[in-house]
N, C-alpha and C. Protein backbone atom coordinates (compact mmCIF):
# COMPACT_ATOMS: atom_id res chain seq x y z
N MET A 1 148.23 157.87 37.04
CA MET A 1 149.43 157.60 37.80
C MET A 1 150.28 156.61 37.00
N ASN A 2 151.51 156.94 36.80
CA ASN A 2 152.43 156.05 36.10
C ASN A 2 153.25 155.28 37.11
N LEU A 3 152.99 153.99 37.20
CA LEU A 3 153.75 153.13 38.10
C LEU A 3 154.73 152.30 37.29
N SER A 4 155.87 152.04 37.87
CA SER A 4 156.86 151.20 37.20
C SER A 4 156.33 149.78 37.09
N LYS A 5 156.93 149.01 36.20
CA LYS A 5 156.56 147.61 36.02
C LYS A 5 156.70 146.85 37.34
N GLU A 6 157.76 147.15 38.10
CA GLU A 6 157.99 146.50 39.39
C GLU A 6 156.86 146.81 40.37
N LYS A 7 156.45 148.06 40.44
CA LYS A 7 155.39 148.44 41.37
C LYS A 7 154.05 147.82 40.96
N LEU A 8 153.81 147.73 39.66
CA LEU A 8 152.59 147.07 39.20
C LEU A 8 152.61 145.58 39.53
N GLN A 9 153.77 144.95 39.41
CA GLN A 9 153.90 143.54 39.77
C GLN A 9 153.67 143.34 41.26
N THR A 10 154.21 144.24 42.07
CA THR A 10 154.01 144.16 43.52
C THR A 10 152.54 144.36 43.87
N LEU A 11 151.89 145.31 43.21
CA LEU A 11 150.47 145.55 43.43
C LEU A 11 149.66 144.31 43.06
N ALA A 12 149.95 143.72 41.92
CA ALA A 12 149.23 142.51 41.48
C ALA A 12 149.44 141.38 42.48
N TYR A 13 150.66 141.19 42.94
CA TYR A 13 150.94 140.14 43.92
C TYR A 13 150.14 140.38 45.20
N ASN A 14 150.17 141.62 45.70
CA ASN A 14 149.46 141.93 46.94
C ASN A 14 147.95 141.77 46.79
N LEU A 15 147.41 142.15 45.65
CA LEU A 15 145.97 141.98 45.43
C LEU A 15 145.59 140.50 45.37
N ASN A 16 146.43 139.70 44.74
CA ASN A 16 146.16 138.26 44.71
C ASN A 16 146.24 137.65 46.11
N GLU A 17 147.19 138.09 46.91
CA GLU A 17 147.28 137.62 48.30
C GLU A 17 146.05 138.03 49.09
N LEU A 18 145.59 139.27 48.87
CA LEU A 18 144.37 139.74 49.53
C LEU A 18 143.18 138.87 49.14
N CYS A 19 143.05 138.58 47.85
CA CYS A 19 141.94 137.74 47.38
C CYS A 19 142.00 136.34 47.97
N LEU A 20 143.19 135.77 48.06
CA LEU A 20 143.33 134.46 48.69
C LEU A 20 142.89 134.48 50.14
N ASP A 21 143.29 135.53 50.85
CA ASP A 21 142.93 135.67 52.26
C ASP A 21 141.42 135.87 52.41
N LEU A 22 140.84 136.72 51.56
CA LEU A 22 139.39 136.93 51.62
C LEU A 22 138.63 135.64 51.31
N ASP A 23 139.13 134.88 50.34
CA ASP A 23 138.45 133.63 50.01
C ASP A 23 138.58 132.62 51.14
N GLU A 24 139.73 132.59 51.78
CA GLU A 24 139.94 131.65 52.88
C GLU A 24 139.01 131.96 54.05
N HIS A 25 138.83 133.25 54.34
CA HIS A 25 138.02 133.64 55.49
C HIS A 25 136.54 133.82 55.18
N TYR A 26 136.21 134.25 53.96
CA TYR A 26 134.83 134.59 53.64
C TYR A 26 134.27 133.86 52.43
N ASP A 27 135.05 132.97 51.84
CA ASP A 27 134.60 132.18 50.70
C ASP A 27 134.06 133.05 49.57
N ILE A 28 134.81 134.10 49.23
CA ILE A 28 134.33 135.05 48.21
C ILE A 28 134.21 134.45 46.82
N ASN A 29 134.93 133.37 46.57
CA ASN A 29 134.83 132.75 45.25
C ASN A 29 133.59 131.88 45.12
N ASN A 30 132.71 132.00 46.07
CA ASN A 30 131.43 131.31 46.02
C ASN A 30 130.30 132.32 46.19
N GLY A 31 130.33 133.35 45.35
CA GLY A 31 129.26 134.34 45.37
C GLY A 31 129.70 135.77 45.62
N GLY A 32 130.96 136.01 45.92
CA GLY A 32 131.39 137.37 46.20
C GLY A 32 132.44 137.91 45.25
N CYS A 33 132.84 137.10 44.28
CA CYS A 33 133.94 137.51 43.39
C CYS A 33 133.58 138.76 42.58
N CYS A 34 132.31 138.90 42.19
CA CYS A 34 131.92 140.07 41.40
C CYS A 34 132.05 141.35 42.24
N PHE A 35 131.69 141.28 43.52
CA PHE A 35 131.81 142.45 44.39
C PHE A 35 133.27 142.82 44.60
N VAL A 36 134.10 141.83 44.87
CA VAL A 36 135.53 142.09 45.09
C VAL A 36 136.17 142.63 43.82
N ALA A 37 135.82 142.07 42.67
CA ALA A 37 136.34 142.57 41.39
C ALA A 37 135.92 144.02 41.17
N ALA A 38 134.68 144.35 41.52
CA ALA A 38 134.20 145.72 41.37
C ALA A 38 134.97 146.68 42.28
N CYS A 39 135.25 146.26 43.50
CA CYS A 39 136.02 147.09 44.43
C CYS A 39 137.44 147.33 43.93
N ILE A 40 138.08 146.27 43.45
CA ILE A 40 139.43 146.40 42.91
C ILE A 40 139.42 147.31 41.68
N ALA A 41 138.43 147.11 40.81
CA ALA A 41 138.32 147.93 39.60
C ALA A 41 138.16 149.41 39.95
N GLU A 42 137.35 149.69 40.96
CA GLU A 42 137.14 151.08 41.38
C GLU A 42 138.44 151.72 41.84
N CYS A 43 139.24 150.97 42.60
CA CYS A 43 140.52 151.50 43.06
C CYS A 43 141.50 151.68 41.90
N LEU A 44 141.55 150.73 40.98
CA LEU A 44 142.44 150.87 39.83
C LEU A 44 142.04 152.07 38.97
N GLU A 45 140.74 152.26 38.79
CA GLU A 45 140.28 153.43 38.02
C GLU A 45 140.70 154.73 38.70
N LYS A 46 140.59 154.77 40.00
CA LYS A 46 140.94 155.98 40.77
C LYS A 46 142.37 156.41 40.49
N TYR A 47 143.26 155.44 40.28
CA TYR A 47 144.67 155.74 40.04
C TYR A 47 145.07 155.58 38.57
N ASP A 48 144.05 155.56 37.69
CA ASP A 48 144.27 155.50 36.24
C ASP A 48 145.15 154.33 35.82
N ILE A 49 144.95 153.19 36.45
CA ILE A 49 145.67 151.98 36.08
C ILE A 49 144.77 151.20 35.13
N GLU A 50 145.27 150.94 33.93
CA GLU A 50 144.48 150.22 32.94
C GLU A 50 144.26 148.77 33.36
N PHE A 51 143.05 148.29 33.14
CA PHE A 51 142.70 146.91 33.50
C PHE A 51 141.55 146.45 32.61
N SER A 52 141.28 145.19 32.67
CA SER A 52 140.08 144.65 32.02
C SER A 52 139.45 143.66 32.99
N VAL A 53 138.20 143.31 32.70
CA VAL A 53 137.48 142.35 33.52
C VAL A 53 137.34 141.07 32.71
N LEU A 54 137.70 139.97 33.32
CA LEU A 54 137.59 138.66 32.69
C LEU A 54 136.42 137.94 33.35
N VAL A 55 135.47 137.48 32.54
CA VAL A 55 134.27 136.84 33.06
C VAL A 55 134.15 135.44 32.47
N TYR A 56 134.10 134.45 33.34
CA TYR A 56 133.76 133.11 32.91
C TYR A 56 132.24 133.04 32.95
N ASP A 57 131.64 132.57 31.87
CA ASP A 57 130.18 132.62 31.82
C ASP A 57 129.54 131.28 31.49
N CYS A 58 128.28 131.21 31.79
CA CYS A 58 127.36 130.13 31.41
C CYS A 58 127.85 128.73 31.75
N TYR A 59 127.82 128.39 33.00
CA TYR A 59 128.06 127.02 33.42
C TYR A 59 126.71 126.45 33.85
N GLU A 60 125.88 126.15 32.86
CA GLU A 60 124.50 125.77 33.14
C GLU A 60 124.38 124.53 34.00
N TYR A 61 125.35 123.63 33.92
CA TYR A 61 125.26 122.42 34.74
C TYR A 61 125.37 122.74 36.23
N GLU A 62 125.95 123.89 36.57
CA GLU A 62 126.04 124.28 37.98
C GLU A 62 124.91 125.21 38.39
N PHE A 63 124.25 125.81 37.42
CA PHE A 63 123.17 126.76 37.70
C PHE A 63 121.90 126.27 37.02
N ASN A 64 121.42 125.11 37.39
CA ASN A 64 120.26 124.50 36.74
C ASN A 64 119.02 125.38 36.81
N GLU A 65 118.84 126.10 37.91
CA GLU A 65 117.64 126.89 38.10
C GLU A 65 117.68 128.24 37.37
N ILE A 66 118.83 128.59 36.82
CA ILE A 66 119.00 129.86 36.12
C ILE A 66 119.33 129.57 34.66
N ASP A 67 118.71 130.31 33.74
CA ASP A 67 118.96 130.08 32.32
C ASP A 67 120.44 130.23 31.98
N CYS A 68 121.05 131.28 32.47
CA CYS A 68 122.47 131.52 32.18
C CYS A 68 123.00 132.44 33.26
N SER A 69 124.18 132.17 33.75
CA SER A 69 124.77 132.99 34.80
C SER A 69 126.26 133.12 34.57
N GLN A 70 126.81 134.24 35.03
CA GLN A 70 128.25 134.39 34.99
C GLN A 70 128.81 133.58 36.16
N TYR A 71 129.91 132.91 35.91
CA TYR A 71 130.44 131.96 36.87
C TYR A 71 131.52 132.58 37.77
N HIS A 72 132.40 133.39 37.19
CA HIS A 72 133.49 133.94 37.98
C HIS A 72 134.01 135.22 37.33
N TYR A 73 134.31 136.22 38.16
CA TYR A 73 134.82 137.51 37.70
C TYR A 73 136.25 137.69 38.19
N MET A 74 137.11 138.19 37.30
CA MET A 74 138.50 138.47 37.67
C MET A 74 138.94 139.77 37.00
N ILE A 75 139.94 140.39 37.56
CA ILE A 75 140.54 141.60 37.01
C ILE A 75 141.86 141.21 36.36
N VAL A 76 142.16 141.81 35.23
CA VAL A 76 143.44 141.58 34.55
C VAL A 76 144.11 142.94 34.37
N PHE A 77 145.33 143.06 34.86
CA PHE A 77 146.15 144.24 34.57
C PHE A 77 147.61 143.87 34.64
N ASN A 78 148.42 144.59 33.91
CA ASN A 78 149.86 144.34 33.88
C ASN A 78 150.15 142.88 33.53
N ASP A 79 149.36 142.33 32.60
CA ASP A 79 149.52 140.93 32.16
C ASP A 79 149.39 139.93 33.31
N THR A 80 148.63 140.30 34.35
CA THR A 80 148.44 139.46 35.52
C THR A 80 146.96 139.32 35.80
N ILE A 81 146.52 138.12 36.13
CA ILE A 81 145.13 137.89 36.53
C ILE A 81 145.04 138.01 38.03
N ILE A 82 144.12 138.86 38.47
CA ILE A 82 143.82 139.00 39.89
C ILE A 82 142.59 138.14 40.15
N ASN A 83 142.78 137.07 40.87
CA ASN A 83 141.71 136.09 41.05
C ASN A 83 141.24 136.08 42.48
């Protein structure tokens, strides 16, 4: 699907608003960001919208009991980070 730059910007804005709302109500940025990123990625793939996944990794001081863990997952498309 070919979306205009404006429509991609609107989509990115709406997805960020959705993520803010989900985090406010369900605290997804404390253990659910990978699931939400996967759901967004699945929808973007369905409509052939190019994206990448940005992963912050290895914050050992916060994950003492784990050797190494990914800290936060985000989607990037249309030069916008979906957080």
